[in-house]
Amino acid sequence: MGPRLLSLSTSMLSLSTLTSPNVKSVSCRLPVRVVVRREGRRERNTLTVDGQQHRTYYHLSTTTTTVNSIQQQQHLLLQKSSLPTPSIQQQHLLLQNSSLHTPSTQQQHLLLQKSSLHTHSIQQQHLLLQNSSLHTPSTQQQHLLLQKSSLPTPSIGRHFCTSTYSGNAAVIESASVGNGEVRVVWGKSPCSSSSSSGSGGGEECVYPYPWLRDNCQCIQCYDADSYTRIITLEDWHHHDTPQQVKVCNDGVCLEVVWSSGHISTYSATWLYHRRFNSQARSVKKSVLALKKELWGRDFQISRHSFDSIVSDDEALLGFLTSLEKFGVVLVTEAPRKPKAAFHIVNKAGFPKRTHYGLHYPIRRKLGAESLAFTDLKLGMHNDLPYYNYVCGIIFLHCITQFEGSGGENDLADGYHVARYLHQHHPHQYHLLTHTPVYFWNKGVTTVEGEEHQFYKLFNTPIIVEDSITGAVVRVNNSQLRDSHLDVSPDLVTPWYSALRLFNTTLQQHAIRVKLNSGEMLVMDNTRLLHGRTAYDGAIGERYMDQVYLDWDQALSKRRVLQEKLGIHLQ
């Protein structure tokens, strides 16, 4: 669906005080403006009173509607018909304006009705908007309530606002308690379409009591706008147990009455996607990170058009997906000028500043503070290994390529080589994962006309494993190793042998590319190791421009685009 805007404007505002939750109408005068905009799968409502904005988020399917009038008084009635089925096959909206006193009319009525609303992600949508104690020159207190119908508690509609899953609605067949868990039996889903997120019938799942209580979604326990728990662990007793569980609304929600008297209501779809099994966990893990595709010397780098990446969301998602899976992509037809990489970086997040600045030229110069600024050979390395929080992504933009022999880039998948060593040389692999090495850099740089003195130092193994899963999460290699080696003398020679084997294997599994002017190598700096062949800078120029981006930014953008475009990735 395309963007939708609902804008209601008046000239004075006087909202009567509403204290009953059953009130469905408000009386209003100017100035009030309510704007509803689509943001991904949510709608943002902005109520502006005397220049002050009050916002809430919710789902609402509606056509583009604009109502503008200058009246002395308006009455707004928003009414929802009874909801006959759990999936809400029909919704009705009645907007009525009455008692309009103007020279041209004595009374106006507006009826807007929509039926059979089928959205891509959710077939049932409810709206709750409440603003209170709004002080303007014309009134001391104002309340606005858009009330949900046929809802067992005020919390159930919030699940549909906060869900990151689309398409399939789960249905609960039955629920029971015992042995510290709530046992749920799932029924058939009316819109099951994929094995990864659909709801099969007859499946049983259990939900431990503490988890259910900690994740209560009611408005007293959870703030849906910020996706944050309101309660802390100190606010509820860990021995709180369910006294009653009830399947509501023909299976679309589960109500739990706790021994403390608190009542929690959970959406069936929300619960289904949080099952304690491998299938549900794999879906969440794919949102966290895509599966890495390891490669060797037969690898072909995927190519992506610069203009497409910066102008099309699907192309940007494809670029980010390839980078995350393979660790390197090639961008073509980029402008041949410095800072061009910012156009992509700013689409994905924010550039990372280092002691070289937000970007820096890589070209031959006298008295260079880094070997990168010479025409010498560079061994297989990753950038800035002396950073604890290392720069995640490198944008290496070729503005001018050296026309003679040399200046090529060697690229190797560090994760692939680490796996190879683990399988074929386990002893050397153990040394490389358990021997900490000092990486360092020290000097002075000039950034934006100011001198900066730096001394960077970090202690880490060559190959870094996740402490829980054992998976390789970072590879470090550079000629910027410190001469201090914190090992016993009897391990020095074996460690050097292991490091030599690692570097030899990198070369054996590497590919070689020579960028053309206007091309850009984008590399995962935690995974990809790159080198450069020597060239003769006295007879020709090689000019690169480099920018860094953190992986947190790129991964965030990938997830946002997945939700926006409704694309499931693994």
Protein backbone atom coordinates (compact mmCIF):
# COMPACT_ATOMS: atom_id res chain seq x y z
CA MET A 1 0.00 0.00 0.00
CA GLY A 2 1.14 3.51 -0.69
CA PRO A 3 1.46 6.35 1.83
CA ARG A 4 -1.80 7.52 3.36
CA LEU A 5 -2.61 10.84 4.97
CA LEU A 6 -5.61 11.77 7.07
CA SER A 7 -5.59 15.45 7.95
CA LEU A 8 -8.32 17.07 10.03
CA SER A 9 -8.02 20.82 10.54
CA THR A 10 -10.18 23.30 12.45
CA SER A 11 -9.70 26.81 13.79
CA MET A 12 -10.38 26.58 17.54
CA LEU A 13 -10.27 23.72 20.00
CA SER A 14 -12.49 22.93 22.94
CA LEU A 15 -12.56 19.27 23.85
CA SER A 16 -14.97 18.29 26.58
CA THR A 17 -13.49 16.38 29.50
CA LEU A 18 -13.97 12.67 28.94
CA THR A 19 -13.75 10.44 31.97
CA SER A 20 -15.73 7.41 30.84
CA PRO A 21 -13.91 4.81 28.74
CA ASN A 22 -17.13 4.31 26.76
CA VAL A 23 -17.25 7.85 25.39
CA LYS A 24 -16.92 7.78 21.61
CA SER A 25 -17.32 11.45 20.67
CA VAL A 26 -15.61 14.73 21.33
CA SER A 27 -16.60 18.32 20.82
CA CYS A 28 -13.84 20.46 19.36
CA ARG A 29 -13.04 24.01 18.29
CA LEU A 30 -9.93 25.42 16.63
CA PRO A 31 -6.96 25.15 16.33
CA VAL A 32 -6.49 21.40 16.14
CA ARG A 33 -4.78 19.37 13.46
CA VAL A 34 -4.58 15.60 13.36
CA VAL A 35 -2.21 14.08 10.82
CA VAL A 36 -1.89 10.36 10.22
CA ARG A 37 1.05 9.09 8.18
CA ARG A 38 2.14 5.61 7.20
CA GLU A 39 5.55 4.54 8.63
CA GLY A 40 6.38 1.02 7.52
CA ARG A 41 3.65 -1.17 9.02
CA ARG A 42 2.59 1.47 11.50
CA GLU A 43 0.62 4.67 11.17
CA ARG A 44 1.83 7.77 13.03
CA ASN A 45 -0.84 10.05 14.44
CA THR A 46 0.18 13.60 15.28
CA LEU A 47 -2.25 15.75 17.23
CA THR A 48 -1.14 19.39 17.18
CA VAL A 49 -2.62 21.72 19.77
CA ASP A 50 -1.42 25.34 19.80
CA GLY A 51 1.81 24.27 18.09
CA GLN A 52 2.51 21.39 20.48
CA GLN A 53 2.55 17.89 19.01
CA HIS A 54 1.25 14.78 20.73
CA ARG A 55 1.91 11.48 18.93
CA THR A 56 0.84 7.87 19.02
CA TYR A 57 1.33 4.94 16.63
CA TYR A 58 -1.29 2.49 15.41
CA HIS A 59 -2.52 0.56 12.39
CA LEU A 60 -5.30 2.02 10.25
CA SER A 61 -6.28 1.27 6.65
CA THR A 62 -7.96 4.27 5.07
CA THR A 63 -8.04 6.24 1.87
CA THR A 64 -6.49 9.67 1.48
CA THR A 65 -8.97 12.00 3.12
CA THR A 66 -8.74 15.70 3.85
CA VAL A 67 -11.39 17.61 5.75
CA ASN A 68 -10.83 21.33 6.15
CA SER A 69 -13.44 23.72 7.47
CA ILE A 70 -13.73 26.86 9.57
CA GLN A 71 -16.62 26.35 11.92
CA GLN A 72 -17.57 27.55 15.38
CA GLN A 73 -18.11 24.03 16.65
CA GLN A 74 -17.61 20.52 15.35
CA HIS A 75 -18.51 17.14 16.73
CA LEU A 76 -16.47 14.11 15.86
CA LEU A 77 -17.83 10.62 16.22
CA LEU A 78 -15.64 7.65 15.47
CA GLN A 79 -17.53 4.41 15.72
CA LYS A 80 -16.53 0.83 14.98
CA SER A 81 -19.11 -1.83 14.26
CA SER A 82 -19.04 -5.14 16.10
CA LEU A 83 -16.26 -7.34 14.86
CA PRO A 84 -17.90 -10.60 13.72
CA THR A 85 -14.79 -12.77 13.23
CA PRO A 86 -11.27 -12.98 14.71
CA SER A 87 -9.74 -11.91 11.43
CA ILE A 88 -12.07 -8.90 11.08
CA GLN A 89 -13.54 -9.30 7.63
CA GLN A 90 -15.34 -5.99 7.87
CA GLN A 91 -14.71 -2.66 9.55
CA HIS A 92 -16.86 0.45 9.46
CA LEU A 93 -15.86 4.02 10.14
CA LEU A 94 -18.45 6.73 10.80
CA LEU A 95 -17.26 10.31 10.90
CA GLN A 96 -20.08 12.73 11.68
CA ASN A 97 -19.99 16.52 11.92
CA SER A 98 -23.04 18.26 13.30
CA SER A 99 -24.16 21.66 14.62
CA LEU A 100 -22.11 23.55 12.06
CA HIS A 101 -23.19 27.17 12.09
CA THR A 102 -21.97 29.11 9.07
CA PRO A 103 -23.70 31.43 6.59
CA SER A 104 -23.62 28.67 4.00
CA THR A 105 -24.91 25.71 5.94
CA GLN A 106 -26.72 24.80 9.14
CA GLN A 107 -25.59 21.19 9.35
CA GLN A 108 -23.13 18.94 7.58
CA HIS A 109 -22.69 15.22 7.83
CA LEU A 110 -19.83 13.13 6.58
CA LEU A 111 -19.99 9.38 6.35
CA LEU A 112 -16.91 7.39 5.45
CA GLN A 113 -17.38 3.67 5.31
CA LYS A 114 -14.90 0.96 4.37
CA SER A 115 -15.59 -2.76 4.34
CA SER A 116 -13.69 -5.98 3.67
CA LEU A 117 -10.35 -4.53 4.64
CA HIS A 118 -7.57 -6.96 3.79
CA THR A 119 -4.06 -5.72 4.53
CA HIS A 120 -0.88 -7.51 3.56
CA SER A 121 0.27 -7.95 7.10
CA ILE A 122 -2.71 -7.87 9.45
CA GLN A 123 -6.40 -8.53 8.88
CA GLN A 124 -7.38 -7.32 12.29
CA GLN A 125 -6.52 -3.79 13.32
CA HIS A 126 -7.61 -1.76 16.32
CA LEU A 127 -6.97 1.81 17.30
CA LEU A 128 -6.40 3.34 20.71
CA LEU A 129 -5.45 6.98 20.99
CA GLN A 130 -5.67 8.91 24.22
CA ASN A 131 -4.26 12.34 25.01
CA SER A 132 -5.03 14.02 28.29
CA SER A 133 -4.28 17.23 30.18
CA LEU A 134 -3.52 19.31 27.09
CA HIS A 135 -3.43 22.95 28.16
CA THR A 136 -4.16 25.66 25.61
CA PRO A 137 -5.42 29.26 26.03
CA SER A 138 -8.93 28.06 25.20
CA THR A 139 -9.21 25.09 27.53
CA GLN A 140 -7.78 23.73 30.77
CA GLN A 141 -8.15 20.05 30.03
CA GLN A 142 -8.72 18.07 26.86
CA HIS A 143 -9.12 14.38 26.23
CA LEU A 144 -9.28 12.49 22.99
CA LEU A 145 -10.28 8.84 22.95
CA LEU A 146 -10.56 6.56 19.96
CA GLN A 147 -11.86 3.36 21.49
CA LYS A 148 -11.43 -0.24 20.36
CA SER A 149 -14.51 -2.42 20.23
CA SER A 150 -14.90 -6.00 21.45
CA LEU A 151 -11.48 -6.10 23.10
CA PRO A 152 -11.11 -8.05 26.36
CA THR A 153 -8.39 -5.74 27.71
CA PRO A 154 -6.84 -2.43 26.59
CA SER A 155 -3.60 -4.21 25.69
CA ILE A 156 -4.54 -6.66 22.96
CA GLY A 157 -4.48 -4.18 20.07
CA ARG A 158 -0.91 -3.20 20.87
CA HIS A 159 0.42 -6.57 19.67
CA PHE A 160 -0.56 -5.79 16.12
CA CYS A 161 1.24 -2.46 16.35
CA THR A 162 4.51 -3.94 17.56
CA SER A 163 4.74 -7.17 15.59
CA THR A 164 7.66 -7.43 13.18
CA TYR A 165 6.09 -10.37 11.38
CA SER A 166 3.71 -10.17 8.46
CA GLY A 167 1.16 -12.25 6.68
CA ASN A 168 0.17 -15.17 8.93
CA ALA A 169 -2.25 -15.01 11.84
CA ALA A 170 -2.05 -17.81 14.39
CA VAL A 171 -5.07 -19.31 16.19
CA ILE A 172 -5.02 -20.97 19.62
CA GLU A 173 -7.12 -24.12 19.95
CA SER A 174 -6.74 -24.63 23.71
CA ALA A 175 -4.60 -23.62 26.70
CA SER A 176 -3.89 -25.14 30.11
CA VAL A 177 -1.55 -24.66 33.08
CA GLY A 178 0.74 -27.01 34.97
CA ASN A 179 4.35 -27.72 35.95
CA GLY A 180 5.29 -24.05 35.89
CA GLU A 181 4.19 -23.59 32.27
CA VAL A 182 1.21 -22.56 30.19
CA ARG A 183 0.63 -25.19 27.51
CA VAL A 184 -0.85 -23.96 24.23
CA VAL A 185 -2.25 -26.13 21.44
CA TRP A 186 -2.31 -24.36 18.09
CA GLY A 187 -5.15 -24.63 15.60
CA LYS A 188 -5.06 -24.14 11.86
CA SER A 189 -4.09 -20.69 10.62
CA PRO A 190 -6.63 -19.15 8.20
CA CYS A 191 -3.80 -17.55 6.18
CA SER A 192 -0.84 -19.89 6.52
CA SER A 193 1.47 -19.54 3.53
CA SER A 194 5.00 -20.57 4.55
CA SER A 195 6.56 -23.19 6.74
CA SER A 196 8.81 -20.62 8.36
CA SER A 197 6.08 -18.39 9.72
CA GLY A 198 2.77 -20.16 9.14
CA SER A 199 0.76 -21.84 11.90
CA GLY A 200 0.29 -25.56 11.63
CA GLY A 201 -2.57 -27.30 13.44
CA GLY A 202 -2.12 -29.47 16.51
CA GLU A 203 1.32 -28.20 17.49
CA GLU A 204 1.87 -27.91 21.24
CA CYS A 205 4.09 -25.28 22.85
CA VAL A 206 4.84 -24.35 26.44
CA TYR A 207 5.50 -20.91 27.92
CA PRO A 208 7.11 -20.72 31.40
CA TYR A 209 5.33 -18.54 33.96
CA PRO A 210 8.20 -16.08 34.60
CA TRP A 211 8.60 -15.42 30.88
CA LEU A 212 4.90 -14.73 30.41
CA ARG A 213 4.75 -12.39 33.40
CA ASP A 214 7.92 -10.54 32.38
CA ASN A 215 6.53 -10.06 28.86
CA CYS A 216 3.04 -8.91 29.73
CA GLN A 217 1.93 -6.58 26.93
CA CYS A 218 -0.70 -4.54 28.77
CA ILE A 219 -0.35 -0.77 28.87
CA GLN A 220 0.63 -0.87 32.56
CA CYS A 221 3.57 -3.19 31.87
CA TYR A 222 4.68 -2.33 28.34
CA ASP A 223 5.08 0.84 26.29
CA ALA A 224 4.31 -0.07 22.68
CA ASP A 225 5.56 3.24 21.28
CA SER A 226 9.11 2.69 22.55
CA TYR A 227 8.99 -1.16 22.57
CA THR A 228 10.08 -1.05 26.21
CA ARG A 229 8.97 -2.72 29.42
CA ILE A 230 7.53 -0.25 31.90
CA ILE A 231 7.82 -2.67 34.80
CA THR A 232 11.16 -3.86 36.15
CA LEU A 233 11.95 -7.24 37.65
CA GLU A 234 11.43 -5.70 41.09
CA ASP A 235 7.84 -4.74 40.20
CA TRP A 236 6.46 -8.29 40.06
CA HIS A 237 7.07 -11.37 42.20
CA HIS A 238 8.79 -14.26 40.47
CA HIS A 239 6.42 -16.67 42.24
CA ASP A 240 3.37 -15.05 40.58
CA THR A 241 1.43 -17.92 38.98
CA PRO A 242 -1.58 -18.10 36.64
CA GLN A 243 -4.88 -18.72 38.40
CA GLN A 244 -6.77 -18.97 35.14
CA VAL A 245 -6.00 -19.03 31.40
CA LYS A 246 -8.65 -18.40 28.78
CA VAL A 247 -8.64 -18.46 24.98
CA CYS A 248 -10.43 -15.33 23.75
CA ASN A 249 -11.91 -14.04 20.50
CA ASP A 250 -12.10 -17.44 18.82
CA GLY A 251 -8.44 -18.17 19.43
CA VAL A 252 -6.76 -14.93 18.43
CA CYS A 253 -5.64 -14.10 21.97
CA LEU A 254 -4.84 -15.68 25.33
CA GLU A 255 -5.85 -14.14 28.65
CA VAL A 256 -3.94 -14.99 31.84
CA VAL A 257 -5.22 -14.06 35.32
CA TRP A 258 -2.31 -14.05 37.77
CA SER A 259 -2.34 -14.88 41.48
CA SER A 260 -1.46 -11.24 42.18
CA GLY A 261 -4.69 -10.16 40.45
CA HIS A 262 -2.94 -8.81 37.37
CA ILE A 263 -4.46 -9.71 34.00
CA SER A 264 -2.32 -10.21 30.90
CA THR A 265 -3.58 -10.65 27.36
CA TYR A 266 -1.36 -11.95 24.56
CA SER A 267 -1.96 -12.00 20.83
CA ALA A 268 -1.87 -15.54 19.43
CA THR A 269 0.38 -14.46 16.56
CA TRP A 270 2.72 -12.70 19.00
CA LEU A 271 2.97 -15.88 21.08
CA TYR A 272 3.40 -18.13 18.06
CA HIS A 273 6.45 -16.25 16.83
CA ARG A 274 7.97 -16.59 20.31
CA ARG A 275 7.67 -20.36 20.67
CA PHE A 276 10.47 -22.06 22.56
CA ASN A 277 11.61 -24.23 19.66
CA SER A 278 14.26 -24.25 16.96
CA GLN A 279 11.93 -23.13 14.17
CA ALA A 280 10.92 -19.90 15.90
CA ARG A 281 14.49 -19.27 17.02
CA SER A 282 15.79 -19.64 13.46
CA VAL A 283 13.40 -16.96 12.24
CA LYS A 284 14.60 -14.52 14.89
CA LYS A 285 18.23 -15.40 14.23
CA SER A 286 17.75 -14.62 10.53
CA VAL A 287 16.55 -11.16 11.52
CA LEU A 288 19.61 -10.76 13.73
CA ALA A 289 22.09 -11.87 11.06
CA LEU A 290 21.97 -13.57 7.67
CA LYS A 291 23.81 -16.83 7.08
CA LYS A 292 27.37 -16.30 5.87
CA GLU A 293 28.30 -17.79 2.51
CA LEU A 294 31.99 -18.70 2.64
CA TRP A 295 34.10 -18.64 -0.53
CA GLY A 296 37.51 -19.32 -2.03
CA ARG A 297 39.50 -18.50 -5.16
CA ASP A 298 36.64 -19.31 -7.59
CA PHE A 299 34.42 -16.61 -6.12
CA GLN A 300 32.83 -13.99 -8.39
CA ILE A 301 32.09 -10.63 -6.73
CA SER A 302 28.54 -9.39 -7.20
CA ARG A 303 28.25 -6.03 -8.95
CA HIS A 304 25.80 -3.29 -7.98
CA SER A 305 25.04 -0.01 -9.73
CA PHE A 306 25.81 3.12 -7.71
CA ASP A 307 22.75 4.98 -9.03
CA SER A 308 20.43 2.06 -8.23
CA ILE A 309 21.72 1.72 -4.67
CA VAL A 310 21.16 5.39 -3.84
CA SER A 311 17.77 5.67 -5.57
CA ASP A 312 15.98 2.35 -5.07
CA ASP A 313 15.22 0.60 -1.76
CA GLU A 314 15.19 -2.88 -3.28
CA ALA A 315 18.60 -2.28 -4.84
CA LEU A 316 19.91 -0.97 -1.51
CA LEU A 317 18.58 -4.06 0.26
CA GLY A 318 20.21 -6.31 -2.35
CA PHE A 319 23.51 -4.51 -1.88
CA LEU A 320 23.40 -4.82 1.93
CA THR A 321 22.31 -8.46 1.75
CA SER A 322 25.18 -9.45 -0.56
CA LEU A 323 27.66 -7.59 1.63
CA GLU A 324 26.43 -9.31 4.79
CA LYS A 325 26.43 -12.78 3.23
CA PHE A 326 29.67 -12.70 1.22
CA GLY A 327 31.69 -9.94 2.90
CA VAL A 328 32.49 -8.02 -0.29
CA VAL A 329 30.63 -6.36 -3.17
CA LEU A 330 31.67 -4.19 -6.10
CA VAL A 331 29.86 -0.91 -6.82
CA THR A 332 30.02 0.30 -10.42
CA GLU A 333 29.61 3.69 -12.11
CA ALA A 334 30.25 5.80 -9.01
CA PRO A 335 31.14 9.48 -9.51
CA ARG A 336 34.89 9.98 -9.86
CA LYS A 337 35.23 12.46 -7.02
CA PRO A 338 36.00 12.33 -3.28
CA LYS A 339 33.17 11.75 -0.79
CA ALA A 340 31.00 9.95 -3.37
CA ALA A 341 30.82 6.98 -0.98
CA PHE A 342 28.91 9.18 1.46
CA HIS A 343 25.85 8.88 -0.80
CA ILE A 344 25.68 5.15 -0.04
CA VAL A 345 26.90 5.38 3.55
CA ASN A 346 24.29 7.99 4.42
CA LYS A 347 21.55 5.80 2.93
CA ALA A 348 22.59 2.98 5.25
CA GLY A 349 23.50 4.95 8.37
CA PHE A 350 26.29 7.31 9.38
CA PRO A 351 30.01 7.36 8.50
CA LYS A 352 32.41 6.31 11.26
CA ARG A 353 35.06 8.86 12.20
CA THR A 354 38.60 7.69 12.92
CA HIS A 355 41.85 9.56 13.56
CA TYR A 356 41.97 9.98 9.77
CA GLY A 357 38.63 11.81 9.76
CA LEU A 358 35.30 10.85 8.18
CA HIS A 359 37.05 10.03 4.91
CA TYR A 360 40.63 10.14 3.72
CA PRO A 361 42.54 9.92 0.44
CA ILE A 362 44.86 6.97 -0.17
CA ARG A 363 47.62 8.11 -2.47
CA ARG A 364 51.40 8.16 -2.50
CA LYS A 365 53.01 10.93 -0.47
CA LEU A 366 56.36 11.67 1.14
CA GLY A 367 56.74 11.14 4.88
CA ALA A 368 53.61 9.00 4.99
CA GLU A 369 52.30 8.08 8.46
CA SER A 370 50.95 4.81 7.02
CA LEU A 371 52.21 2.30 4.44
CA ALA A 372 48.84 2.73 2.75
CA PHE A 373 50.06 6.17 1.63
CA THR A 374 53.04 4.67 -0.21
CA ASP A 375 53.39 2.61 -3.40
CA LEU A 376 54.76 -0.40 -1.50
CA LYS A 377 53.21 -3.84 -1.32
CA LEU A 378 50.66 -4.35 1.45
CA GLY A 379 50.22 -7.82 2.94
CA MET A 380 46.83 -9.37 3.64
CA HIS A 381 45.29 -7.30 6.40
CA ASN A 382 42.19 -5.73 7.80
CA ASP A 383 42.05 -2.03 8.62
CA LEU A 384 42.56 -0.62 12.11
CA PRO A 385 42.90 -3.93 14.03
CA TYR A 386 44.14 -1.86 16.97
CA TYR A 387 40.54 -0.66 17.52
CA ASN A 388 38.51 -2.52 20.13
CA TYR A 389 35.35 -1.52 18.27
CA VAL A 390 36.84 -1.97 14.82
CA CYS A 391 35.35 -0.22 11.78
CA GLY A 392 32.92 -2.76 10.34
CA ILE A 393 32.70 -1.85 6.65
CA ILE A 394 35.26 -0.31 4.28
CA PHE A 395 34.27 1.72 1.22
CA LEU A 396 37.36 1.83 -1.03
CA HIS A 397 36.52 4.14 -3.93
CA CYS A 398 38.82 4.24 -6.97
CA ILE A 399 38.98 7.78 -8.33
CA THR A 400 42.12 7.28 -10.44
CA GLN A 401 43.70 3.87 -11.09
CA PHE A 402 47.39 3.35 -11.80
CA GLU A 403 47.61 2.50 -15.50
CA GLY A 404 50.76 0.38 -15.38
CA SER A 405 51.47 -2.97 -13.80
CA GLY A 406 50.62 -3.12 -10.09
CA GLY A 407 48.05 -1.58 -7.80
CA GLU A 408 45.82 -4.67 -7.77
CA ASN A 409 43.90 -5.75 -4.65
CA ASP A 410 44.07 -9.29 -3.26
CA LEU A 411 40.94 -10.37 -1.36
CA ALA A 412 40.41 -13.43 0.86
CA ASP A 413 37.54 -14.64 3.03
CA GLY A 414 39.03 -14.83 6.52
CA TYR A 415 36.11 -16.93 7.81
CA HIS A 416 36.65 -19.48 5.04
CA VAL A 417 40.38 -19.74 5.76
CA ALA A 418 39.70 -20.04 9.50
CA ARG A 419 37.33 -22.94 8.86
CA TYR A 420 39.91 -24.57 6.59
CA LEU A 421 42.56 -24.38 9.33
CA HIS A 422 40.11 -25.67 11.92
CA GLN A 423 39.40 -28.72 9.75
CA HIS A 424 42.90 -29.45 8.45
CA HIS A 425 45.29 -27.90 10.98
CA PRO A 426 43.52 -27.91 14.38
CA HIS A 427 46.68 -27.37 16.44
CA GLN A 428 47.65 -24.23 14.50
CA TYR A 429 44.05 -23.06 14.64
CA HIS A 430 44.09 -23.43 18.42
CA LEU A 431 47.24 -21.28 18.67
CA LEU A 432 45.69 -18.56 16.50
CA THR A 433 42.48 -18.47 18.56
CA HIS A 434 44.09 -18.62 22.00
CA THR A 435 47.21 -16.45 21.68
CA PRO A 436 46.54 -12.74 22.25
CA VAL A 437 48.48 -10.33 20.05
CA TYR A 438 49.06 -6.61 20.50
CA PHE A 439 48.10 -4.45 17.51
CA TRP A 440 49.06 -0.81 17.71
CA ASN A 441 49.47 2.44 15.84
CA LYS A 442 50.95 5.71 16.98
CA GLY A 443 51.50 9.06 15.32
CA VAL A 444 50.06 12.41 14.32
CA THR A 445 47.41 13.15 11.71
CA THR A 446 45.91 16.37 10.42
CA VAL A 447 42.13 16.37 10.13
CA GLU A 448 40.27 19.44 8.89
CA GLY A 449 43.33 21.59 9.51
CA GLU A 450 43.92 20.40 13.08
CA GLU A 451 46.70 18.11 14.28
CA HIS A 452 45.70 15.03 16.28
CA GLN A 453 48.15 12.85 18.16
CA PHE A 454 47.04 9.25 18.66
CA TYR A 455 48.21 6.05 20.32
CA LYS A 456 45.94 3.09 19.56
CA LEU A 457 46.49 -0.31 21.21
CA PHE A 458 44.39 -3.48 21.32
CA ASN A 459 45.12 -7.03 22.47
CA THR A 460 43.30 -9.81 20.61
CA PRO A 461 43.90 -13.21 18.96
CA ILE A 462 44.34 -13.45 15.19
CA ILE A 463 41.07 -15.42 14.97
CA VAL A 464 38.31 -14.45 17.41
CA GLU A 465 35.56 -16.92 18.29
CA ASP A 466 32.20 -16.24 19.87
CA SER A 467 32.44 -17.27 23.52
CA ILE A 468 29.06 -19.05 23.40
CA THR A 469 28.72 -20.56 19.92
CA GLY A 470 32.40 -20.92 19.00
CA ALA A 471 31.73 -19.35 15.59
CA VAL A 472 34.39 -17.07 14.13
CA VAL A 473 33.26 -13.45 14.55
CA ARG A 474 36.40 -11.48 13.72
CA VAL A 475 39.75 -11.99 12.02
CA ASN A 476 42.74 -9.73 12.71
CA ASN A 477 45.88 -9.54 10.61
CA SER A 478 48.20 -6.64 9.89
CA GLN A 479 51.81 -5.58 9.62
CA LEU A 480 50.94 -3.29 12.54
CA ARG A 481 51.57 -6.07 15.06
CA ASP A 482 53.42 -4.90 18.16
CA SER A 483 56.82 -6.46 18.90
CA HIS A 484 55.57 -7.34 22.39
CA LEU A 485 54.33 -10.93 22.33
CA ASP A 486 52.66 -12.05 25.53
CA VAL A 487 53.45 -15.79 25.40
CA SER A 488 56.01 -18.14 26.93
CA PRO A 489 59.21 -18.58 24.87
CA ASP A 490 58.41 -22.19 24.00
CA LEU A 491 55.25 -21.06 22.16
CA VAL A 492 56.86 -18.32 20.06
CA THR A 493 58.12 -20.54 17.24
CA PRO A 494 54.92 -22.64 17.00
CA TRP A 495 52.83 -19.47 16.96
CA TYR A 496 54.90 -17.95 14.13
CA SER A 497 54.51 -21.19 12.19
CA ALA A 498 50.75 -21.01 12.65
CA LEU A 499 50.65 -17.35 11.58
CA ARG A 500 52.73 -18.11 8.47
CA LEU A 501 50.37 -20.97 7.61
CA PHE A 502 47.42 -18.63 8.02
CA ASN A 503 48.90 -16.03 5.65
CA THR A 504 49.96 -18.65 3.09
CA THR A 505 46.45 -20.11 3.11
CA LEU A 506 44.97 -16.64 2.65
CA GLN A 507 47.01 -16.19 -0.54
CA GLN A 508 46.05 -19.65 -1.80
CA HIS A 509 42.34 -18.88 -1.42
CA ALA A 510 42.44 -15.24 -2.54
CA ILE A 511 41.09 -13.54 -5.64
CA ARG A 512 42.73 -10.56 -7.34
CA VAL A 513 40.94 -7.51 -8.73
CA LYS A 514 42.09 -4.23 -10.19
CA LEU A 515 39.49 -1.52 -9.80
CA ASN A 516 38.61 0.74 -12.67
CA SER A 517 38.19 4.44 -12.05
CA GLY A 518 34.66 4.97 -10.75
CA GLU A 519 34.42 1.54 -9.10
CA MET A 520 34.16 0.94 -5.38
CA LEU A 521 35.11 -2.10 -3.28
CA VAL A 522 32.91 -2.47 -0.20
CA MET A 523 34.34 -4.94 2.33
CA ASP A 524 33.43 -6.49 5.68
CA ASN A 525 36.45 -5.39 7.72
CA THR A 526 35.84 -8.02 10.43
CA ARG A 527 35.93 -10.85 7.88
CA LEU A 528 37.65 -9.89 4.64
CA LEU A 529 41.42 -9.56 4.43
CA HIS A 530 42.80 -7.47 1.62
CA GLY A 531 46.23 -6.62 0.25
CA ARG A 532 47.76 -4.50 -2.50
CA THR A 533 50.47 -5.21 -5.04
CA ALA A 534 53.26 -2.64 -5.36
CA TYR A 535 53.21 -0.03 -8.12
CA ASP A 536 55.55 2.71 -9.34
CA GLY A 537 54.09 5.92 -7.99
CA ALA A 538 56.87 7.93 -9.67
CA ILE A 539 55.41 7.33 -13.13
CA GLY A 540 51.68 7.36 -12.43
CA GLU A 541 49.00 8.15 -9.89
CA ARG A 542 46.79 5.80 -7.91
CA TYR A 543 44.12 7.72 -6.00
CA MET A 544 41.59 6.05 -3.70
CA ASP A 545 39.11 7.63 -1.29
CA GLN A 546 38.07 5.66 1.79
CA VAL A 547 35.08 5.82 4.14
CA TYR A 548 34.02 3.55 7.04
CA LEU A 549 30.58 2.45 8.21
CA ASP A 550 29.66 0.50 11.34
CA TRP A 551 27.89 -2.83 10.94
CA ASP A 552 25.26 -1.82 13.50
CA GLN A 553 24.08 0.86 11.08
CA ALA A 554 24.09 -1.39 8.02
CA LEU A 555 22.28 -4.24 9.79
CA SER A 556 19.67 -1.84 11.12
CA LYS A 557 19.00 -0.54 7.62
CA ARG A 558 18.75 -4.06 6.22
CA ARG A 559 16.10 -4.96 8.82
CA VAL A 560 14.16 -1.74 8.21
CA LEU A 561 14.09 -2.42 4.47
CA GLN A 562 13.05 -6.04 5.05
CA GLU A 563 10.02 -4.88 7.02
CA LYS A 564 9.21 -2.07 4.61
CA LEU A 565 9.39 -4.28 1.52
CA GLY A 566 7.97 -7.41 3.18
CA ILE A 567 10.94 -9.55 2.15
CA HIS A 568 12.03 -12.58 4.20
CA LEU A 569 15.75 -13.35 4.08
CA GLN A 570 17.84 -16.18 5.49
